Amino acid sequence: MIRAVKSARAAEPDLDLDTTSVVALVELNTGVPARLIDASVRYWSSYPHEIDTWIAEAEAIEARATSST
């Protein structure tokens, strides 16, 4: 979810994370209910280093997987 939120913010920098705009965009694009996206964002705001580390690890795994094909 946080990767989707970050992607939405990058694609639409004028949208504010503190409003429902980013959440609505992610909900529209993923089909995930807003309440779950909100919960993900709240968790991320409490543990940003942990989540950002997981995201970086996932991106590194994806990069290795796609470069070997």
N, C-alpha and C. Protein backbone atom coordinates (compact mmCIF):
# COMPACT_ATOMS: atom_id res chain seq x y z
N MET A 1 0.80 -1.18 0.00
CA MET A 1 0.00 0.00 0.00
C MET A 1 0.86 1.26 0.00
N ILE A 2 1.91 1.24 0.77
CA ILE A 2 2.74 2.44 0.86
C ILE A 2 3.44 2.71 -0.46
N ARG A 3 3.83 1.68 -1.15
CA ARG A 3 4.40 1.89 -2.49
C ARG A 3 3.38 2.55 -3.40
N ALA A 4 2.13 2.15 -3.30
CA ALA A 4 1.08 2.76 -4.11
C ALA A 4 0.86 4.22 -3.70
N VAL A 5 0.90 4.49 -2.41
CA VAL A 5 0.75 5.87 -1.93
C VAL A 5 1.90 6.73 -2.43
N LYS A 6 3.12 6.21 -2.32
CA LYS A 6 4.28 6.96 -2.81
C LYS A 6 4.19 7.20 -4.31
N SER A 7 3.75 6.20 -5.04
CA SER A 7 3.59 6.34 -6.48
C SER A 7 2.55 7.39 -6.82
N ALA A 8 1.44 7.37 -6.10
CA ALA A 8 0.38 8.36 -6.32
C ALA A 8 0.88 9.76 -6.03
N ARG A 9 1.63 9.91 -4.96
CA ARG A 9 2.17 11.23 -4.63
C ARG A 9 3.17 11.70 -5.67
N ALA A 10 3.97 10.78 -6.22
CA ALA A 10 4.92 11.15 -7.26
C ALA A 10 4.21 11.55 -8.55
N ALA A 11 3.15 10.83 -8.87
CA ALA A 11 2.40 11.10 -10.09
C ALA A 11 1.54 12.36 -9.96
N GLU A 12 1.08 12.63 -8.76
CA GLU A 12 0.19 13.77 -8.51
C GLU A 12 0.73 14.57 -7.32
N PRO A 13 1.83 15.31 -7.52
CA PRO A 13 2.47 16.00 -6.38
C PRO A 13 1.60 17.05 -5.71
N ASP A 14 0.56 17.52 -6.38
CA ASP A 14 -0.31 18.53 -5.78
C ASP A 14 -1.29 17.93 -4.78
N LEU A 15 -1.45 16.60 -4.79
CA LEU A 15 -2.33 15.97 -3.83
C LEU A 15 -1.64 15.93 -2.47
N ASP A 16 -2.38 16.21 -1.43
CA ASP A 16 -1.85 16.27 -0.08
C ASP A 16 -2.14 14.96 0.63
N LEU A 17 -1.14 14.36 1.25
CA LEU A 17 -1.32 13.10 1.97
C LEU A 17 -2.26 13.28 3.16
N ASP A 18 -2.32 14.49 3.72
CA ASP A 18 -3.18 14.72 4.87
C ASP A 18 -4.66 14.83 4.49
N THR A 19 -4.94 14.89 3.21
CA THR A 19 -6.34 14.91 2.78
C THR A 19 -6.70 13.54 2.26
N THR A 20 -7.93 13.40 1.87
CA THR A 20 -8.37 12.11 1.35
C THR A 20 -8.03 11.95 -0.13
N SER A 21 -7.41 12.96 -0.74
CA SER A 21 -7.13 12.91 -2.18
C SER A 21 -6.23 11.75 -2.57
N VAL A 22 -5.12 11.59 -1.88
CA VAL A 22 -4.19 10.50 -2.21
C VAL A 22 -4.85 9.16 -1.91
N VAL A 23 -5.51 9.08 -0.78
CA VAL A 23 -6.18 7.83 -0.41
C VAL A 23 -7.24 7.48 -1.45
N ALA A 24 -8.01 8.46 -1.88
CA ALA A 24 -9.04 8.21 -2.90
C ALA A 24 -8.43 7.75 -4.21
N LEU A 25 -7.31 8.35 -4.60
CA LEU A 25 -6.64 7.94 -5.84
C LEU A 25 -6.13 6.51 -5.74
N VAL A 26 -5.51 6.17 -4.62
CA VAL A 26 -5.01 4.80 -4.43
C VAL A 26 -6.18 3.82 -4.37
N GLU A 27 -7.24 4.20 -3.70
CA GLU A 27 -8.42 3.33 -3.64
C GLU A 27 -8.98 3.08 -5.05
N LEU A 28 -9.07 4.11 -5.83
CA LEU A 28 -9.58 4.00 -7.20
C LEU A 28 -8.69 3.08 -8.04
N ASN A 29 -7.39 3.24 -7.91
CA ASN A 29 -6.45 2.47 -8.74
C ASN A 29 -6.22 1.05 -8.27
N THR A 30 -6.41 0.78 -6.98
CA THR A 30 -6.11 -0.56 -6.47
C THR A 30 -7.35 -1.36 -6.09
N GLY A 31 -8.44 -0.66 -5.80
CA GLY A 31 -9.63 -1.36 -5.32
C GLY A 31 -9.58 -1.67 -3.83
N VAL A 32 -8.51 -1.26 -3.17
CA VAL A 32 -8.39 -1.48 -1.73
C VAL A 32 -9.21 -0.42 -1.01
N PRO A 33 -10.03 -0.81 -0.05
CA PRO A 33 -10.86 0.17 0.66
C PRO A 33 -10.03 1.26 1.34
N ALA A 34 -10.55 2.46 1.36
CA ALA A 34 -9.86 3.61 1.95
C ALA A 34 -9.47 3.36 3.39
N ARG A 35 -10.30 2.67 4.15
CA ARG A 35 -9.98 2.45 5.56
C ARG A 35 -8.70 1.63 5.72
N LEU A 36 -8.43 0.70 4.79
CA LEU A 36 -7.20 -0.09 4.86
C LEU A 36 -6.00 0.74 4.42
N ILE A 37 -6.19 1.60 3.45
CA ILE A 37 -5.12 2.50 3.02
C ILE A 37 -4.78 3.46 4.15
N ASP A 38 -5.81 4.01 4.79
CA ASP A 38 -5.59 4.91 5.93
C ASP A 38 -4.80 4.20 7.04
N ALA A 39 -5.17 2.97 7.32
CA ALA A 39 -4.46 2.20 8.36
C ALA A 39 -3.00 2.00 7.97
N SER A 40 -2.76 1.72 6.70
CA SER A 40 -1.39 1.55 6.23
C SER A 40 -0.58 2.82 6.37
N VAL A 41 -1.18 3.94 6.02
CA VAL A 41 -0.48 5.23 6.13
C VAL A 41 -0.20 5.56 7.59
N ARG A 42 -1.15 5.29 8.48
CA ARG A 42 -0.92 5.54 9.90
C ARG A 42 0.22 4.67 10.44
N TYR A 43 0.26 3.40 10.04
CA TYR A 43 1.34 2.52 10.48
C TYR A 43 2.67 3.03 9.95
N TRP A 44 2.69 3.41 8.67
CA TRP A 44 3.91 3.95 8.06
C TRP A 44 4.38 5.20 8.80
N SER A 45 3.45 6.07 9.19
CA SER A 45 3.85 7.29 9.89
C SER A 45 4.43 6.98 11.27
N SER A 46 4.04 5.85 11.86
CA SER A 46 4.59 5.45 13.15
C SER A 46 5.92 4.72 13.02
N TYR A 47 6.10 4.01 11.91
CA TYR A 47 7.30 3.19 11.71
C TYR A 47 7.89 3.41 10.32
N PRO A 48 8.24 4.65 9.96
CA PRO A 48 8.68 4.92 8.59
C PRO A 48 9.95 4.18 8.19
N HIS A 49 10.90 4.09 9.11
CA HIS A 49 12.16 3.42 8.76
C HIS A 49 11.92 1.94 8.45
N GLU A 50 11.12 1.30 9.26
CA GLU A 50 10.81 -0.11 9.07
C GLU A 50 10.14 -0.34 7.71
N ILE A 51 9.14 0.43 7.40
CA ILE A 51 8.40 0.25 6.15
C ILE A 51 9.26 0.61 4.96
N ASP A 52 9.99 1.72 5.04
CA ASP A 52 10.85 2.12 3.93
C ASP A 52 11.95 1.10 3.68
N THR A 53 12.44 0.46 4.73
CA THR A 53 13.43 -0.61 4.57
C THR A 53 12.83 -1.80 3.84
N TRP A 54 11.61 -2.18 4.23
CA TRP A 54 10.93 -3.30 3.54
C TRP A 54 10.71 -2.97 2.06
N ILE A 55 10.32 -1.74 1.79
CA ILE A 55 10.09 -1.33 0.41
C ILE A 55 11.39 -1.39 -0.39
N ALA A 56 12.47 -0.90 0.19
CA ALA A 56 13.77 -0.92 -0.49
C ALA A 56 14.21 -2.36 -0.76
N GLU A 57 13.99 -3.25 0.19
CA GLU A 57 14.34 -4.66 0.00
C GLU A 57 13.50 -5.28 -1.12
N ALA A 58 12.22 -4.99 -1.14
CA ALA A 58 11.34 -5.53 -2.19
C ALA A 58 11.76 -5.00 -3.56
N GLU A 59 12.10 -3.73 -3.65
CA GLU A 59 12.54 -3.16 -4.92
C GLU A 59 13.86 -3.77 -5.37
N ALA A 60 14.77 -4.05 -4.45
CA ALA A 60 16.03 -4.69 -4.82
C ALA A 60 15.79 -6.10 -5.33
N ILE A 61 14.90 -6.84 -4.69
CA ILE A 61 14.56 -8.19 -5.14
C ILE A 61 13.93 -8.14 -6.53
N GLU A 62 13.03 -7.20 -6.74
CA GLU A 62 12.40 -7.05 -8.06
C GLU A 62 13.43 -6.70 -9.13
N ALA A 63 14.35 -5.82 -8.80
CA ALA A 63 15.39 -5.42 -9.76
C ALA A 63 16.26 -6.62 -10.12
N ARG A 64 16.64 -7.41 -9.14
CA ARG A 64 17.45 -8.60 -9.44
C ARG A 64 16.66 -9.60 -10.28
N ALA A 65 15.39 -9.77 -9.97
CA ALA A 65 14.56 -10.73 -10.70
C ALA A 65 14.36 -10.31 -12.14
N THR A 66 14.15 -9.03 -12.37
CA THR A 66 13.92 -8.59 -13.74
C THR A 66 15.20 -8.47 -14.54
N SER A 67 16.32 -8.26 -13.89
CA SER A 67 17.58 -8.16 -14.62
C SER A 67 18.12 -9.52 -15.03
N SER A 68 17.66 -10.57 -14.36
CA SER A 68 18.15 -11.91 -14.69
C SER A 68 17.33 -12.60 -15.77
N THR A 69 16.27 -11.91 -16.25
CA THR A 69 15.45 -12.54 -17.28
C THR A 69 15.79 -12.02 -18.65
